[in-house]
Amino acid sequence: MKKIIDRQLELGGDKPEFYEIFARQDSAEPLTHIGSVEAPNAELAEARAWFVYDHHTWREMCIVPLSAIVTITERGSKSKVKVV
């Protein structure tokens, strides 16, 4: 029997969201941005984050929807911000 992958079901919908991933290896360290994942909900984003960024033994890992991040830049700055 041929396996068929349902992309809609796999992605969880047609509009996945980006989640930024922050982690620390020790409770004394600050949270550090380690990357991002794309997922339709926080539960799947959490699973994908642990799967993709498991190369260290993290004490704590946090996911933040990109839409929840308020970017603050210096006036007149030409810095690039992630655009989705």
PDB file of N, CA and C in Angstrom:
ATOM      1  N   MET A   1       0.829  -1.180   0.000  1.00  0.00           N
ATOM      2  CA  MET A   1       0.000   0.000   0.000  1.00  0.00           C
ATOM      3  C   MET A   1       0.876   1.247   0.000  1.00  0.00           C
ATOM      4  N   LYS A   2       0.611   2.147  -0.924  1.00  0.00           N
ATOM      5  CA  LYS A   2       1.391   3.370  -1.043  1.00  0.00           C
ATOM      6  C   LYS A   2       0.972   4.382   0.027  1.00  0.00           C
ATOM      7  N   LYS A   3       1.972   4.945   0.711  1.00  0.00           N
ATOM      8  CA  LYS A   3       1.696   5.938   1.737  1.00  0.00           C
ATOM      9  C   LYS A   3       1.481   7.299   1.085  1.00  0.00           C
ATOM     10  N   ILE A   4       0.399   7.957   1.464  1.00  0.00           N
ATOM     11  CA  ILE A   4       0.096   9.288   0.944  1.00  0.00           C
ATOM     12  C   ILE A   4       0.172  10.278   2.099  1.00  0.00           C
ATOM     13  N   ILE A   5       0.943  11.321   1.915  1.00  0.00           N
ATOM     14  CA  ILE A   5       1.091  12.357   2.951  1.00  0.00           C
ATOM     15  C   ILE A   5       0.137  13.501   2.637  1.00  0.00           C
ATOM     16  N   ASP A   6      -0.747  13.783   3.579  1.00  0.00           N
ATOM     17  CA  ASP A   6      -1.694  14.886   3.443  1.00  0.00           C
ATOM     18  C   ASP A   6      -1.017  16.154   3.962  1.00  0.00           C
ATOM     19  N   ARG A   7      -0.575  17.013   3.053  1.00  0.00           N
ATOM     20  CA  ARG A   7       0.158  18.225   3.435  1.00  0.00           C
ATOM     21  C   ARG A   7      -0.670  19.132   4.336  1.00  0.00           C
ATOM     22  N   GLN A   8      -1.953  19.287   4.061  1.00  0.00           N
ATOM     23  CA  GLN A   8      -2.820  20.135   4.890  1.00  0.00           C
ATOM     24  C   GLN A   8      -2.858  19.609   6.324  1.00  0.00           C
ATOM     25  N   LEU A   9      -3.031  18.293   6.471  1.00  0.00           N
ATOM     26  CA  LEU A   9      -3.072  17.692   7.799  1.00  0.00           C
ATOM     27  C   LEU A   9      -1.716  17.803   8.487  1.00  0.00           C
ATOM     28  N   GLU A  10      -0.639  17.598   7.737  1.00  0.00           N
ATOM     29  CA  GLU A  10       0.715  17.658   8.288  1.00  0.00           C
ATOM     30  C   GLU A  10       1.047  19.061   8.798  1.00  0.00           C
ATOM     31  N   LEU A  11       0.643  20.082   8.045  1.00  0.00           N
ATOM     32  CA  LEU A  11       0.920  21.459   8.444  1.00  0.00           C
ATOM     33  C   LEU A  11      -0.077  21.975   9.469  1.00  0.00           C
ATOM     34  N   GLY A  12      -1.232  21.333   9.562  1.00  0.00           N
ATOM     35  CA  GLY A  12      -2.228  21.760  10.536  1.00  0.00           C
ATOM     36  C   GLY A  12      -3.087  22.898  10.038  1.00  0.00           C
ATOM     37  N   GLY A  13      -3.062  23.193   8.779  1.00  0.00           N
ATOM     38  CA  GLY A  13      -3.852  24.278   8.221  1.00  0.00           C
ATOM     39  C   GLY A  13      -3.094  24.955   7.107  1.00  0.00           C
ATOM     40  N   ASP A  14      -3.712  25.969   6.532  1.00  0.00           N
ATOM     41  CA  ASP A  14      -3.065  26.616   5.398  1.00  0.00           C
ATOM     42  C   ASP A  14      -2.279  27.867   5.771  1.00  0.00           C
ATOM     43  N   LYS A  15      -2.285  28.275   7.033  1.00  0.00           N
ATOM     44  CA  LYS A  15      -1.554  29.477   7.445  1.00  0.00           C
ATOM     45  C   LYS A  15      -0.700  29.208   8.680  1.00  0.00           C
ATOM     46  N   PRO A  16       0.401  28.491   8.528  1.00  0.00           N
ATOM     47  CA  PRO A  16       1.284  28.294   9.684  1.00  0.00           C
ATOM     48  C   PRO A  16       1.929  29.613  10.110  1.00  0.00           C
ATOM     49  N   GLU A  17       2.374  29.650  11.334  1.00  0.00           N
ATOM     50  CA  GLU A  17       2.976  30.854  11.909  1.00  0.00           C
ATOM     51  C   GLU A  17       4.437  30.574  12.248  1.00  0.00           C
ATOM     52  N   PHE A  18       5.257  31.607  12.228  1.00  0.00           N
ATOM     53  CA  PHE A  18       6.649  31.466  12.647  1.00  0.00           C
ATOM     54  C   PHE A  18       6.732  31.669  14.156  1.00  0.00           C
ATOM     55  N   TYR A  19       7.566  30.854  14.796  1.00  0.00           N
ATOM     56  CA  TYR A  19       7.839  30.952  16.230  1.00  0.00           C
ATOM     57  C   TYR A  19       9.334  31.125  16.406  1.00  0.00           C
ATOM     58  N   GLU A  20       9.730  32.097  17.208  1.00  0.00           N
ATOM     59  CA  GLU A  20      11.139  32.303  17.533  1.00  0.00           C
ATOM     60  C   GLU A  20      11.459  31.455  18.756  1.00  0.00           C
ATOM     61  N   ILE A  21      12.657  30.861  18.756  1.00  0.00           N
ATOM     62  CA  ILE A  21      13.054  29.928  19.809  1.00  0.00           C
ATOM     63  C   ILE A  21      14.183  30.535  20.644  1.00  0.00           C
ATOM     64  N   PHE A  22      13.991  30.534  21.957  1.00  0.00           N
ATOM     65  CA  PHE A  22      14.991  31.029  22.905  1.00  0.00           C
ATOM     66  C   PHE A  22      15.302  29.900  23.882  1.00  0.00           C
ATOM     67  N   ALA A  23      16.568  29.809  24.322  1.00  0.00           N
ATOM     68  CA  ALA A  23      16.936  28.720  25.233  1.00  0.00           C
ATOM     69  C   ALA A  23      18.127  29.124  26.099  1.00  0.00           C
ATOM     70  N   ARG A  24      18.334  28.325  27.148  1.00  0.00           N
ATOM     71  CA  ARG A  24      19.512  28.465  28.008  1.00  0.00           C
ATOM     72  C   ARG A  24      19.907  27.089  28.514  1.00  0.00           C
ATOM     73  N   GLN A  25      21.208  26.903  28.679  1.00  0.00           N
ATOM     74  CA  GLN A  25      21.721  25.615  29.153  1.00  0.00           C
ATOM     75  C   GLN A  25      21.824  25.564  30.666  1.00  0.00           C
ATOM     76  N   ASP A  26      21.880  26.711  31.299  1.00  0.00           N
ATOM     77  CA  ASP A  26      22.028  26.798  32.752  1.00  0.00           C
ATOM     78  C   ASP A  26      21.110  27.896  33.254  1.00  0.00           C
ATOM     79  N   SER A  27      20.544  27.731  34.431  1.00  0.00           N
ATOM     80  CA  SER A  27      19.596  28.727  34.942  1.00  0.00           C
ATOM     81  C   SER A  27      20.245  30.088  35.213  1.00  0.00           C
ATOM     82  N   ALA A  28      21.573  30.131  35.307  1.00  0.00           N
ATOM     83  CA  ALA A  28      22.269  31.401  35.529  1.00  0.00           C
ATOM     84  C   ALA A  28      22.496  32.173  34.224  1.00  0.00           C
ATOM     85  N   GLU A  29      22.354  31.507  33.090  1.00  0.00           N
ATOM     86  CA  GLU A  29      22.575  32.147  31.794  1.00  0.00           C
ATOM     87  C   GLU A  29      21.319  32.883  31.324  1.00  0.00           C
ATOM     88  N   PRO A  30      21.495  33.910  30.500  1.00  0.00           N
ATOM     89  CA  PRO A  30      20.321  34.577  29.925  1.00  0.00           C
ATOM     90  C   PRO A  30      19.716  33.723  28.807  1.00  0.00           C
ATOM     91  N   LEU A  31      18.446  33.933  28.531  1.00  0.00           N
ATOM     92  CA  LEU A  31      17.844  33.277  27.371  1.00  0.00           C
ATOM     93  C   LEU A  31      18.502  33.823  26.122  1.00  0.00           C
ATOM     94  N   THR A  32      18.801  32.955  25.167  1.00  0.00           N
ATOM     95  CA  THR A  32      19.460  33.332  23.924  1.00  0.00           C
ATOM     96  C   THR A  32      18.626  32.857  22.748  1.00  0.00           C
ATOM     97  N   HIS A  33      18.510  33.700  21.736  1.00  0.00           N
ATOM     98  CA  HIS A  33      17.775  33.315  20.531  1.00  0.00           C
ATOM     99  C   HIS A  33      18.589  32.263  19.795  1.00  0.00           C
ATOM    100  N   ILE A  34      17.964  31.098  19.520  1.00  0.00           N
ATOM    101  CA  ILE A  34      18.700  30.023  18.849  1.00  0.00           C
ATOM    102  C   ILE A  34      18.138  29.677  17.476  1.00  0.00           C
ATOM    103  N   GLY A  35      16.991  30.261  17.117  1.00  0.00           N
ATOM    104  CA  GLY A  35      16.443  29.986  15.798  1.00  0.00           C
ATOM    105  C   GLY A  35      14.942  30.179  15.736  1.00  0.00           C
ATOM    106  N   SER A  36      14.328  29.597  14.716  1.00  0.00           N
ATOM    107  CA  SER A  36      12.879  29.705  14.553  1.00  0.00           C
ATOM    108  C   SER A  36      12.339  28.459  13.881  1.00  0.00           C
ATOM    109  N   VAL A  37      11.041  28.235  14.058  1.00  0.00           N
ATOM    110  CA  VAL A  37      10.341  27.131  13.402  1.00  0.00           C
ATOM    111  C   VAL A  37       9.023  27.671  12.858  1.00  0.00           C
ATOM    112  N   GLU A  38       8.460  26.924  11.924  1.00  0.00           N
ATOM    113  CA  GLU A  38       7.165  27.275  11.361  1.00  0.00           C
ATOM    114  C   GLU A  38       6.187  26.176  11.757  1.00  0.00           C
ATOM    115  N   ALA A  39       5.037  26.575  12.321  1.00  0.00           N
ATOM    116  CA  ALA A  39       4.051  25.591  12.770  1.00  0.00           C
ATOM    117  C   ALA A  39       2.670  26.248  12.837  1.00  0.00           C
ATOM    118  N   PRO A  40       1.608  25.447  12.760  1.00  0.00           N
ATOM    119  CA  PRO A  40       0.253  25.994  12.800  1.00  0.00           C
ATOM    120  C   PRO A  40      -0.236  26.317  14.209  1.00  0.00           C
ATOM    121  N   ASN A  41       0.454  25.790  15.241  1.00  0.00           N
ATOM    122  CA  ASN A  41       0.032  26.060  16.624  1.00  0.00           C
ATOM    123  C   ASN A  41       1.228  25.876  17.556  1.00  0.00           C
ATOM    124  N   ALA A  42       1.046  26.327  18.798  1.00  0.00           N
ATOM    125  CA  ALA A  42       2.150  26.304  19.766  1.00  0.00           C
ATOM    126  C   ALA A  42       2.601  24.885  20.113  1.00  0.00           C
ATOM    127  N   GLU A  43       1.657  23.942  20.165  1.00  0.00           N
ATOM    128  CA  GLU A  43       2.011  22.570  20.516  1.00  0.00           C
ATOM    129  C   GLU A  43       2.952  21.953  19.475  1.00  0.00           C
ATOM    130  N   LEU A  44       2.630  22.157  18.203  1.00  0.00           N
ATOM    131  CA  LEU A  44       3.488  21.622  17.153  1.00  0.00           C
ATOM    132  C   LEU A  44       4.808  22.401  17.076  1.00  0.00           C
ATOM    133  N   ALA A  45       4.757  23.704  17.341  1.00  0.00           N
ATOM    134  CA  ALA A  45       5.984  24.506  17.365  1.00  0.00           C
ATOM    135  C   ALA A  45       6.927  24.007  18.458  1.00  0.00           C
ATOM    136  N   GLU A  46       6.370  23.653  19.609  1.00  0.00           N
ATOM    137  CA  GLU A  46       7.185  23.115  20.709  1.00  0.00           C
ATOM    138  C   GLU A  46       7.867  21.812  20.292  1.00  0.00           C
ATOM    139  N   ALA A  47       7.113  20.920  19.686  1.00  0.00           N
ATOM    140  CA  ALA A  47       7.682  19.641  19.244  1.00  0.00           C
ATOM    141  C   ALA A  47       8.760  19.854  18.190  1.00  0.00           C
ATOM    142  N   ARG A  48       8.500  20.731  17.244  1.00  0.00           N
ATOM    143  CA  ARG A  48       9.488  20.997  16.188  1.00  0.00           C
ATOM    144  C   ARG A  48      10.737  21.653  16.759  1.00  0.00           C
ATOM    145  N   ALA A  49      10.569  22.551  17.729  1.00  0.00           N
ATOM    146  CA  ALA A  49      11.719  23.221  18.337  1.00  0.00           C
ATOM    147  C   ALA A  49      12.623  22.210  19.034  1.00  0.00           C
ATOM    148  N   TRP A  50      12.042  21.301  19.818  1.00  0.00           N
ATOM    149  CA  TRP A  50      12.851  20.284  20.500  1.00  0.00           C
ATOM    150  C   TRP A  50      13.530  19.367  19.500  1.00  0.00           C
ATOM    151  N   PHE A  51      12.833  19.030  18.405  1.00  0.00           N
ATOM    152  CA  PHE A  51      13.400  18.138  17.396  1.00  0.00           C
ATOM    153  C   PHE A  51      14.564  18.798  16.656  1.00  0.00           C
ATOM    154  N   VAL A  52      14.395  20.049  16.262  1.00  0.00           N
ATOM    155  CA  VAL A  52      15.402  20.748  15.450  1.00  0.00           C
ATOM    156  C   VAL A  52      16.603  21.207  16.291  1.00  0.00           C
ATOM    157  N   TYR A  53      16.344  21.673  17.513  1.00  0.00           N
ATOM    158  CA  TYR A  53      17.410  22.290  18.316  1.00  0.00           C
ATOM    159  C   TYR A  53      17.817  21.424  19.510  1.00  0.00           C
ATOM    160  N   ASP A  54      17.852  20.109  19.330  1.00  0.00           N
ATOM    161  CA  ASP A  54      18.212  19.207  20.429  1.00  0.00           C
ATOM    162  C   ASP A  54      19.708  18.927  20.523  1.00  0.00           C
ATOM    163  N   HIS A  55      20.540  19.702  19.818  1.00  0.00           N
ATOM    164  CA  HIS A  55      21.984  19.448  19.817  1.00  0.00           C
ATOM    165  C   HIS A  55      22.659  19.840  21.136  1.00  0.00           C
ATOM    166  N   HIS A  56      21.948  20.530  22.023  1.00  0.00           N
ATOM    167  CA  HIS A  56      22.461  20.849  23.365  1.00  0.00           C
ATOM    168  C   HIS A  56      21.482  20.303  24.399  1.00  0.00           C
ATOM    169  N   THR A  57      21.943  20.170  25.620  1.00  0.00           N
ATOM    170  CA  THR A  57      21.064  19.812  26.720  1.00  0.00           C
ATOM    171  C   THR A  57      20.557  21.109  27.331  1.00  0.00           C
ATOM    172  N   TRP A  58      19.381  21.528  26.875  1.00  0.00           N
ATOM    173  CA  TRP A  58      18.837  22.809  27.323  1.00  0.00           C
ATOM    174  C   TRP A  58      18.173  22.667  28.687  1.00  0.00           C
ATOM    175  N   ARG A  59      18.430  23.623  29.567  1.00  0.00           N
ATOM    176  CA  ARG A  59      17.751  23.691  30.861  1.00  0.00           C
ATOM    177  C   ARG A  59      16.348  24.245  30.661  1.00  0.00           C
ATOM    178  N   GLU A  60      16.229  25.181  29.724  1.00  0.00           N
ATOM    179  CA  GLU A  60      14.947  25.822  29.441  1.00  0.00           C
ATOM    180  C   GLU A  60      14.898  26.222  27.973  1.00  0.00           C
ATOM    181  N   MET A  61      13.752  26.031  27.344  1.00  0.00           N
ATOM    182  CA  MET A  61      13.533  26.466  25.968  1.00  0.00           C
ATOM    183  C   MET A  61      12.174  27.139  25.921  1.00  0.00           C
ATOM    184  N   CYS A  62      12.095  28.280  25.235  1.00  0.00           N
ATOM    185  CA  CYS A  62      10.850  29.034  25.108  1.00  0.00           C
ATOM    186  C   CYS A  62      10.550  29.289  23.641  1.00  0.00           C
ATOM    187  N   ILE A  63       9.263  29.270  23.300  1.00  0.00           N
ATOM    188  CA  ILE A  63       8.848  29.632  21.950  1.00  0.00           C
ATOM    189  C   ILE A  63       7.970  30.870  22.042  1.00  0.00           C
ATOM    190  N   VAL A  64       8.147  31.769  21.089  1.00  0.00           N
ATOM    191  CA  VAL A  64       7.375  33.008  21.049  1.00  0.00           C
ATOM    192  C   VAL A  64       6.862  33.203  19.628  1.00  0.00           C
ATOM    193  N   PRO A  65       5.534  33.377  19.464  1.00  0.00           N
ATOM    194  CA  PRO A  65       5.035  33.642  18.114  1.00  0.00           C
ATOM    195  C   PRO A  65       5.668  34.933  17.581  1.00  0.00           C
ATOM    196  N   LEU A  66       6.106  34.905  16.349  1.00  0.00           N
ATOM    197  CA  LEU A  66       6.729  36.087  15.745  1.00  0.00           C
ATOM    198  C   LEU A  66       5.797  37.286  15.823  1.00  0.00           C
ATOM    199  N   SER A  67       4.500  37.045  15.707  1.00  0.00           N
ATOM    200  CA  SER A  67       3.518  38.141  15.751  1.00  0.00           C
ATOM    201  C   SER A  67       3.459  38.816  17.124  1.00  0.00           C
ATOM    202  N   ALA A  68       3.985  38.170  18.172  1.00  0.00           N
ATOM    203  CA  ALA A  68       3.966  38.746  19.516  1.00  0.00           C
ATOM    204  C   ALA A  68       5.202  39.586  19.824  1.00  0.00           C
ATOM    205  N   ILE A  69       6.176  39.583  18.927  1.00  0.00           N
ATOM    206  CA  ILE A  69       7.417  40.316  19.171  1.00  0.00           C
ATOM    207  C   ILE A  69       7.279  41.748  18.678  1.00  0.00           C
ATOM    208  N   VAL A  70       7.591  42.682  19.567  1.00  0.00           N
ATOM    209  CA  VAL A  70       7.587  44.102  19.221  1.00  0.00           C
ATOM    210  C   VAL A  70       9.027  44.492  18.929  1.00  0.00           C
ATOM    211  N   THR A  71       9.298  44.886  17.690  1.00  0.00           N
ATOM    212  CA  THR A  71      10.652  45.244  17.291  1.00  0.00           C
ATOM    213  C   THR A  71      10.907  46.717  17.598  1.00  0.00           C
ATOM    214  N   ILE A  72      12.008  46.975  18.272  1.00  0.00           N
ATOM    215  CA  ILE A  72      12.404  48.342  18.601  1.00  0.00           C
ATOM    216  C   ILE A  72      13.765  48.592  17.969  1.00  0.00           C
ATOM    217  N   THR A  73      13.841  49.588  17.101  1.00  0.00           N
ATOM    218  CA  THR A  73      15.112  49.930  16.469  1.00  0.00           C
ATOM    219  C   THR A  73      15.374  51.419  16.638  1.00  0.00           C
ATOM    220  N   GLU A  74      16.602  51.780  16.485  1.00  0.00           N
ATOM    221  CA  GLU A  74      17.004  53.172  16.570  1.00  0.00           C
ATOM    222  C   GLU A  74      16.368  53.950  15.413  1.00  0.00           C
ATOM    223  N   ARG A  75      15.904  55.149  15.674  1.00  0.00           N
ATOM    224  CA  ARG A  75      15.304  55.971  14.620  1.00  0.00           C
ATOM    225  C   ARG A  75      16.301  56.191  13.495  1.00  0.00           C
ATOM    226  N   GLY A  76      15.829  56.025  12.291  1.00  0.00           N
ATOM    227  CA  GLY A  76      16.685  56.204  11.137  1.00  0.00           C
ATOM    228  C   GLY A  76      17.526  54.977  10.821  1.00  0.00           C
ATOM    229  N   SER A  77      17.407  53.941  11.638  1.00  0.00           N
ATOM    230  CA  SER A  77      18.184  52.729  11.414  1.00  0.00           C
ATOM    231  C   SER A  77      17.703  52.022  10.166  1.00  0.00           C
ATOM    232  N   LYS A  78      18.630  51.429   9.447  1.00  0.00           N
ATOM    233  CA  LYS A  78      18.274  50.691   8.230  1.00  0.00           C
ATOM    234  C   LYS A  78      18.380  49.187   8.476  1.00  0.00           C
ATOM    235  N   SER A  79      18.186  48.787   9.742  1.00  0.00           N
ATOM    236  CA  SER A  79      18.295  47.370  10.062  1.00  0.00           C
ATOM    237  C   SER A  79      17.126  46.599   9.442  1.00  0.00           C
ATOM    238  N   LYS A  80      17.408  45.372   9.073  1.00  0.00           N
ATOM    239  CA  LYS A  80      16.391  44.505   8.466  1.00  0.00           C
ATOM    240  C   LYS A  80      15.672  43.723   9.549  1.00  0.00           C
ATOM    241  N   VAL A  81      14.370  43.630   9.414  1.00  0.00           N
ATOM    242  CA  VAL A  81      13.545  42.862  10.328  1.00  0.00           C
ATOM    243  C   VAL A  81      12.949  41.713   9.530  1.00  0.00           C
ATOM    244  N   LYS A  82      12.835  40.537  10.147  1.00  0.00           N
ATOM    245  CA  LYS A  82      12.285  39.369   9.448  1.00  0.00           C
ATOM    246  C   LYS A  82      10.900  39.693   8.908  1.00  0.00           C
ATOM    247  N   VAL A  83      10.712  39.494   7.630  1.00  0.00           N
ATOM    248  CA  VAL A  83       9.432  39.741   6.989  1.00  0.00           C
ATOM    249  C   VAL A  83       8.872  38.410   6.521  1.00  0.00           C
ATOM    250  N   VAL A  84       7.612  38.146   6.872  1.00  0.00           N
ATOM    251  CA  VAL A  84       6.978  36.893   6.446  1.00  0.00           C
ATOM    252  C   VAL A  84       5.801  37.182   5.543  1.00  0.00           C
TER     253      VAL A  84
END
